[in-house]
Structure formats: C-alpha cells, structure tokens
C-alpha cells in the first residue's frame, strides 16, 4: 500500500474507491477457469493503467474492488467492464452463448 496522502493547509486525506459490479442478470458465470481469468485480467488492466489495487474479490456473480486512483471512476469502470467482458467472451464461448443466445 503506497502512501498516496494529500495534504492541504488544514486537511489530510487519502481517497479510495470501493466499487461493486454484478454480472448481467446476476448469472453465476464467474466460476472455475472463468473466475481465475477474470481476476488475472483485472490485475493486468489495473497495472497497465497505473492504478493501485488495495483489495479485490471475484465472486460467482459479482466483483468487489477497492483502489486508489486520480482518474475518473466512470472512465476506469467503462474500461474495466468493456475489456474484461470482451476478452472473457472471446476466450470462453459459453459466456457468449449465455448472454447473446
């Protein structure tokens, strides 16, 4: 954990974001190899973006991530959700069948 502390004349702060997002329709698709690969992808994407992960859990139907970043939360999540979804659906065709028929 880095010491990314901001100091003002009368304040000291360290802002973190705790984000939870769920799979579409809360289908329990993040199991076994899919769960492991999802975790790997999230770590890779955060490293590329230069974002420090404090905590993270990938469950069968949702993910929790706590991180420190100076970037906009919506921009980070758009990137994370889009990249992981696309790569997981390419690597695991059963996911594509589940969501797209």
N, C-alpha and C. Protein backbone atom coordinates (compact mmCIF):
# COMPACT_ATOMS: atom_id res chain seq x y z
N UNK A 1 0.85 -1.17 0.00
CA UNK A 1 0.00 0.00 0.00
C UNK A 1 0.90 1.24 0.00
N UNK A 2 0.70 2.09 -0.95
CA UNK A 2 1.51 3.30 -1.03
C UNK A 2 0.98 4.35 -0.06
N UNK A 3 1.77 5.36 0.13
CA UNK A 3 1.33 6.46 0.99
C UNK A 3 0.93 7.63 0.10
N UNK A 4 -0.15 7.47 -0.61
CA UNK A 4 -0.68 8.48 -1.53
C UNK A 4 -1.57 9.43 -0.74
N UNK A 5 -0.95 10.17 0.18
CA UNK A 5 -1.69 11.05 1.07
C UNK A 5 -1.64 12.47 0.53
N UNK A 6 -2.78 13.12 0.49
CA UNK A 6 -2.86 14.52 0.05
C UNK A 6 -2.92 15.40 1.29
N UNK A 7 -2.13 16.44 1.28
CA UNK A 7 -2.10 17.35 2.43
C UNK A 7 -2.46 18.75 1.97
N UNK A 8 -3.39 19.35 2.69
CA UNK A 8 -3.75 20.75 2.46
C UNK A 8 -3.35 21.55 3.68
N UNK A 9 -3.71 22.81 3.70
CA UNK A 9 -3.33 23.65 4.84
C UNK A 9 -4.03 23.21 6.13
N UNK A 10 -5.25 22.64 6.00
CA UNK A 10 -5.99 22.21 7.18
C UNK A 10 -6.51 20.79 7.06
N UNK A 11 -6.08 20.06 6.05
CA UNK A 11 -6.62 18.72 5.84
C UNK A 11 -5.53 17.73 5.45
N UNK A 12 -5.81 16.48 5.74
CA UNK A 12 -5.00 15.36 5.27
C UNK A 12 -5.99 14.31 4.80
N UNK A 13 -5.79 13.78 3.59
CA UNK A 13 -6.76 12.80 3.09
C UNK A 13 -6.09 11.75 2.22
N UNK A 14 -6.76 10.62 2.14
CA UNK A 14 -6.37 9.56 1.22
C UNK A 14 -7.67 8.98 0.69
N UNK A 15 -8.01 9.31 -0.53
CA UNK A 15 -9.27 8.88 -1.11
C UNK A 15 -9.11 7.55 -1.83
N UNK A 16 -10.02 6.63 -1.54
CA UNK A 16 -10.05 5.35 -2.23
C UNK A 16 -11.45 5.13 -2.79
N UNK A 17 -11.54 4.28 -3.77
CA UNK A 17 -12.83 3.93 -4.36
C UNK A 17 -13.09 2.46 -4.10
N UNK A 18 -14.29 2.13 -3.63
CA UNK A 18 -14.72 0.75 -3.46
C UNK A 18 -15.89 0.55 -4.41
N UNK A 19 -15.68 -0.31 -5.40
CA UNK A 19 -16.66 -0.50 -6.46
C UNK A 19 -17.13 -1.95 -6.45
N UNK A 20 -18.43 -2.13 -6.62
CA UNK A 20 -19.02 -3.46 -6.75
C UNK A 20 -19.82 -3.47 -8.05
N UNK A 21 -19.59 -4.48 -8.88
CA UNK A 21 -20.47 -4.62 -10.04
C UNK A 21 -20.83 -6.07 -10.24
N UNK A 22 -22.01 -6.28 -10.80
CA UNK A 22 -22.57 -7.63 -10.91
C UNK A 22 -22.64 -8.05 -12.38
N UNK A 23 -22.72 -9.36 -12.57
CA UNK A 23 -22.89 -9.88 -13.92
C UNK A 23 -24.32 -9.60 -14.39
N UNK A 24 -24.50 -9.58 -15.68
CA UNK A 24 -25.83 -9.31 -16.24
C UNK A 24 -26.80 -10.38 -15.75
N UNK A 25 -27.95 -9.95 -15.28
CA UNK A 25 -28.99 -10.81 -14.71
C UNK A 25 -28.50 -11.60 -13.49
N UNK A 26 -27.36 -11.22 -12.94
CA UNK A 26 -26.73 -11.90 -11.80
C UNK A 26 -26.53 -13.39 -12.05
N UNK A 27 -26.30 -13.75 -13.31
CA UNK A 27 -25.97 -15.14 -13.62
C UNK A 27 -24.65 -15.49 -12.93
N UNK A 28 -24.57 -16.67 -12.36
CA UNK A 28 -23.37 -17.11 -11.66
C UNK A 28 -22.40 -17.76 -12.66
N UNK A 29 -21.76 -16.92 -13.45
CA UNK A 29 -20.88 -17.41 -14.52
C UNK A 29 -19.40 -17.30 -14.17
N UNK A 30 -19.06 -16.59 -13.11
CA UNK A 30 -17.65 -16.40 -12.76
C UNK A 30 -17.20 -17.51 -11.81
N UNK A 31 -17.03 -18.70 -12.38
CA UNK A 31 -16.62 -19.87 -11.61
C UNK A 31 -15.43 -20.52 -12.29
N UNK A 32 -14.61 -21.22 -11.51
CA UNK A 32 -13.51 -22.01 -12.06
C UNK A 32 -12.53 -21.18 -12.89
N UNK A 33 -12.28 -21.66 -14.12
CA UNK A 33 -11.31 -21.00 -15.00
C UNK A 33 -11.74 -19.59 -15.38
N UNK A 34 -13.03 -19.37 -15.54
CA UNK A 34 -13.52 -18.03 -15.89
C UNK A 34 -13.21 -17.06 -14.75
N UNK A 35 -13.41 -17.49 -13.53
CA UNK A 35 -13.14 -16.64 -12.36
C UNK A 35 -11.64 -16.31 -12.27
N UNK A 36 -10.80 -17.33 -12.46
CA UNK A 36 -9.35 -17.11 -12.40
C UNK A 36 -8.90 -16.14 -13.49
N UNK A 37 -9.40 -16.35 -14.71
CA UNK A 37 -9.01 -15.49 -15.83
C UNK A 37 -9.51 -14.06 -15.63
N UNK A 38 -10.71 -13.90 -15.09
CA UNK A 38 -11.25 -12.57 -14.81
C UNK A 38 -10.35 -11.83 -13.82
N UNK A 39 -9.93 -12.53 -12.79
CA UNK A 39 -9.04 -11.93 -11.79
C UNK A 39 -7.72 -11.50 -12.44
N UNK A 40 -7.15 -12.38 -13.29
CA UNK A 40 -5.90 -12.05 -13.98
C UNK A 40 -6.07 -10.82 -14.87
N UNK A 41 -7.17 -10.77 -15.61
CA UNK A 41 -7.43 -9.63 -16.50
C UNK A 41 -7.55 -8.33 -15.72
N UNK A 42 -8.27 -8.36 -14.60
CA UNK A 42 -8.42 -7.15 -13.79
C UNK A 42 -7.07 -6.65 -13.29
N UNK A 43 -6.24 -7.56 -12.82
CA UNK A 43 -4.91 -7.18 -12.33
C UNK A 43 -4.08 -6.58 -13.46
N UNK A 44 -4.12 -7.22 -14.64
CA UNK A 44 -3.36 -6.71 -15.79
C UNK A 44 -3.82 -5.31 -16.18
N UNK A 45 -5.12 -5.11 -16.26
CA UNK A 45 -5.66 -3.81 -16.68
C UNK A 45 -5.28 -2.72 -15.67
N UNK A 46 -5.38 -3.02 -14.39
CA UNK A 46 -5.01 -2.03 -13.38
C UNK A 46 -3.52 -1.69 -13.47
N UNK A 47 -2.68 -2.70 -13.72
CA UNK A 47 -1.24 -2.44 -13.86
C UNK A 47 -0.96 -1.54 -15.06
N UNK A 48 -1.60 -1.83 -16.18
CA UNK A 48 -1.41 -1.02 -17.40
C UNK A 48 -1.84 0.42 -17.16
N UNK A 49 -2.94 0.61 -16.45
CA UNK A 49 -3.47 1.95 -16.18
C UNK A 49 -2.72 2.65 -15.05
N UNK A 50 -1.84 1.94 -14.34
CA UNK A 50 -1.09 2.53 -13.24
C UNK A 50 -1.92 2.80 -12.01
N UNK A 51 -2.88 1.91 -11.75
CA UNK A 51 -3.80 2.06 -10.62
C UNK A 51 -3.46 1.01 -9.57
N UNK A 52 -3.41 1.43 -8.32
CA UNK A 52 -3.08 0.53 -7.22
C UNK A 52 -4.34 -0.14 -6.67
N UNK A 53 -4.35 -1.48 -6.67
CA UNK A 53 -5.46 -2.23 -6.10
C UNK A 53 -5.17 -2.44 -4.62
N UNK A 54 -6.12 -2.06 -3.76
CA UNK A 54 -5.97 -2.29 -2.32
C UNK A 54 -6.58 -3.62 -1.92
N UNK A 55 -7.77 -3.91 -2.44
CA UNK A 55 -8.48 -5.16 -2.16
C UNK A 55 -9.28 -5.53 -3.39
N UNK A 56 -9.51 -6.82 -3.57
CA UNK A 56 -10.34 -7.24 -4.68
C UNK A 56 -10.81 -8.67 -4.50
N UNK A 57 -12.06 -8.92 -4.86
CA UNK A 57 -12.65 -10.25 -4.78
C UNK A 57 -13.51 -10.47 -6.02
N UNK A 58 -13.33 -11.63 -6.65
CA UNK A 58 -14.20 -12.01 -7.77
C UNK A 58 -15.05 -13.17 -7.28
N UNK A 59 -16.35 -12.95 -7.12
CA UNK A 59 -17.29 -13.98 -6.69
C UNK A 59 -18.01 -14.54 -7.92
N UNK A 60 -18.90 -15.48 -7.72
CA UNK A 60 -19.55 -16.14 -8.86
C UNK A 60 -20.46 -15.22 -9.66
N UNK A 61 -21.02 -14.17 -9.02
CA UNK A 61 -21.92 -13.27 -9.76
C UNK A 61 -21.64 -11.78 -9.55
N UNK A 62 -20.54 -11.45 -8.86
CA UNK A 62 -20.19 -10.05 -8.68
C UNK A 62 -18.71 -9.90 -8.33
N UNK A 63 -18.22 -8.65 -8.40
CA UNK A 63 -16.83 -8.34 -8.09
C UNK A 63 -16.76 -7.13 -7.18
N UNK A 64 -15.83 -7.17 -6.23
CA UNK A 64 -15.54 -6.03 -5.36
C UNK A 64 -14.11 -5.61 -5.66
N UNK A 65 -13.88 -4.32 -5.82
CA UNK A 65 -12.52 -3.82 -5.98
C UNK A 65 -12.41 -2.50 -5.24
N UNK A 66 -11.35 -2.40 -4.44
CA UNK A 66 -11.03 -1.13 -3.78
C UNK A 66 -9.68 -0.69 -4.32
N UNK A 67 -9.61 0.55 -4.77
CA UNK A 67 -8.38 1.02 -5.40
C UNK A 67 -8.15 2.50 -5.13
N UNK A 68 -6.92 2.92 -5.43
CA UNK A 68 -6.53 4.32 -5.31
C UNK A 68 -6.21 4.81 -6.72
N UNK A 69 -6.82 5.91 -7.13
CA UNK A 69 -6.55 6.46 -8.45
C UNK A 69 -6.91 7.93 -8.50
N UNK A 70 -6.26 8.62 -9.40
CA UNK A 70 -6.59 10.03 -9.62
C UNK A 70 -7.49 10.18 -10.83
N UNK A 71 -7.79 9.08 -11.50
CA UNK A 71 -8.63 9.11 -12.69
C UNK A 71 -10.10 9.08 -12.32
N UNK A 72 -10.93 9.44 -13.27
CA UNK A 72 -12.37 9.45 -13.11
C UNK A 72 -12.90 8.02 -12.92
N UNK A 73 -13.76 7.79 -11.94
CA UNK A 73 -14.29 6.46 -11.65
C UNK A 73 -15.03 5.88 -12.84
N UNK A 74 -15.87 6.66 -13.49
CA UNK A 74 -16.66 6.14 -14.60
C UNK A 74 -15.78 5.74 -15.78
N UNK A 75 -14.71 6.46 -16.02
CA UNK A 75 -13.79 6.12 -17.11
C UNK A 75 -13.08 4.80 -16.82
N UNK A 76 -12.64 4.63 -15.59
CA UNK A 76 -11.96 3.40 -15.19
C UNK A 76 -12.90 2.21 -15.32
N UNK A 77 -14.12 2.34 -14.80
CA UNK A 77 -15.07 1.22 -14.85
C UNK A 77 -15.48 0.88 -16.27
N UNK A 78 -15.66 1.88 -17.10
CA UNK A 78 -16.01 1.63 -18.50
C UNK A 78 -14.91 0.78 -19.16
N UNK A 79 -13.68 1.14 -18.90
CA UNK A 79 -12.55 0.41 -19.45
C UNK A 79 -12.48 -1.02 -18.89
N UNK A 80 -12.61 -1.15 -17.58
CA UNK A 80 -12.54 -2.47 -16.94
C UNK A 80 -13.65 -3.40 -17.43
N UNK A 81 -14.87 -2.92 -17.38
CA UNK A 81 -16.01 -3.76 -17.75
C UNK A 81 -15.96 -4.14 -19.23
N UNK A 82 -15.61 -3.20 -20.07
CA UNK A 82 -15.56 -3.48 -21.50
C UNK A 82 -14.47 -4.46 -21.87
N UNK A 83 -13.26 -4.22 -21.36
CA UNK A 83 -12.13 -5.10 -21.70
C UNK A 83 -12.31 -6.50 -21.15
N UNK A 84 -12.70 -6.61 -19.87
CA UNK A 84 -12.85 -7.95 -19.29
C UNK A 84 -13.97 -8.72 -19.97
N UNK A 85 -15.09 -8.07 -20.24
CA UNK A 85 -16.21 -8.75 -20.89
C UNK A 85 -15.82 -9.26 -22.27
N UNK A 86 -15.18 -8.41 -23.04
CA UNK A 86 -14.80 -8.79 -24.41
C UNK A 86 -13.82 -9.96 -24.40
N UNK A 87 -12.77 -9.87 -23.57
CA UNK A 87 -11.76 -10.92 -23.54
C UNK A 87 -12.32 -12.23 -23.00
N UNK A 88 -13.14 -12.15 -21.95
CA UNK A 88 -13.72 -13.37 -21.39
C UNK A 88 -14.65 -14.05 -22.40
N UNK A 89 -15.45 -13.27 -23.13
CA UNK A 89 -16.35 -13.86 -24.11
C UNK A 89 -15.58 -14.45 -25.29
N UNK A 90 -14.44 -13.88 -25.64
CA UNK A 90 -13.62 -14.44 -26.71
C UNK A 90 -12.97 -15.75 -26.28
N UNK A 91 -12.52 -15.81 -25.02
CA UNK A 91 -11.82 -16.99 -24.52
C UNK A 91 -12.77 -18.10 -24.06
N UNK A 92 -13.98 -17.74 -23.66
CA UNK A 92 -14.95 -18.71 -23.17
C UNK A 92 -16.26 -18.54 -23.95
N UNK A 93 -16.41 -19.25 -25.07
CA UNK A 93 -17.60 -19.09 -25.93
C UNK A 93 -18.92 -19.38 -25.21
N UNK A 94 -18.89 -20.19 -24.15
CA UNK A 94 -20.12 -20.49 -23.42
C UNK A 94 -20.71 -19.23 -22.78
N UNK A 95 -19.88 -18.25 -22.47
CA UNK A 95 -20.38 -16.98 -21.93
C UNK A 95 -21.16 -16.22 -23.00
N UNK A 96 -20.63 -16.22 -24.20
CA UNK A 96 -21.30 -15.53 -25.30
C UNK A 96 -22.66 -16.17 -25.57
N UNK A 97 -22.71 -17.50 -25.53
CA UNK A 97 -23.98 -18.20 -25.75
C UNK A 97 -24.97 -17.88 -24.64
N UNK A 98 -24.47 -17.75 -23.41
CA UNK A 98 -25.33 -17.48 -22.26
C UNK A 98 -26.01 -16.11 -22.39
N UNK A 99 -25.27 -15.12 -22.84
CA UNK A 99 -25.80 -13.76 -22.89
C UNK A 99 -26.38 -13.35 -24.23
N UNK A 100 -25.90 -13.93 -25.31
CA UNK A 100 -26.33 -13.49 -26.63
C UNK A 100 -27.09 -14.56 -27.40
N UNK A 101 -27.40 -15.68 -26.74
CA UNK A 101 -28.22 -16.73 -27.35
C UNK A 101 -27.45 -17.52 -28.30
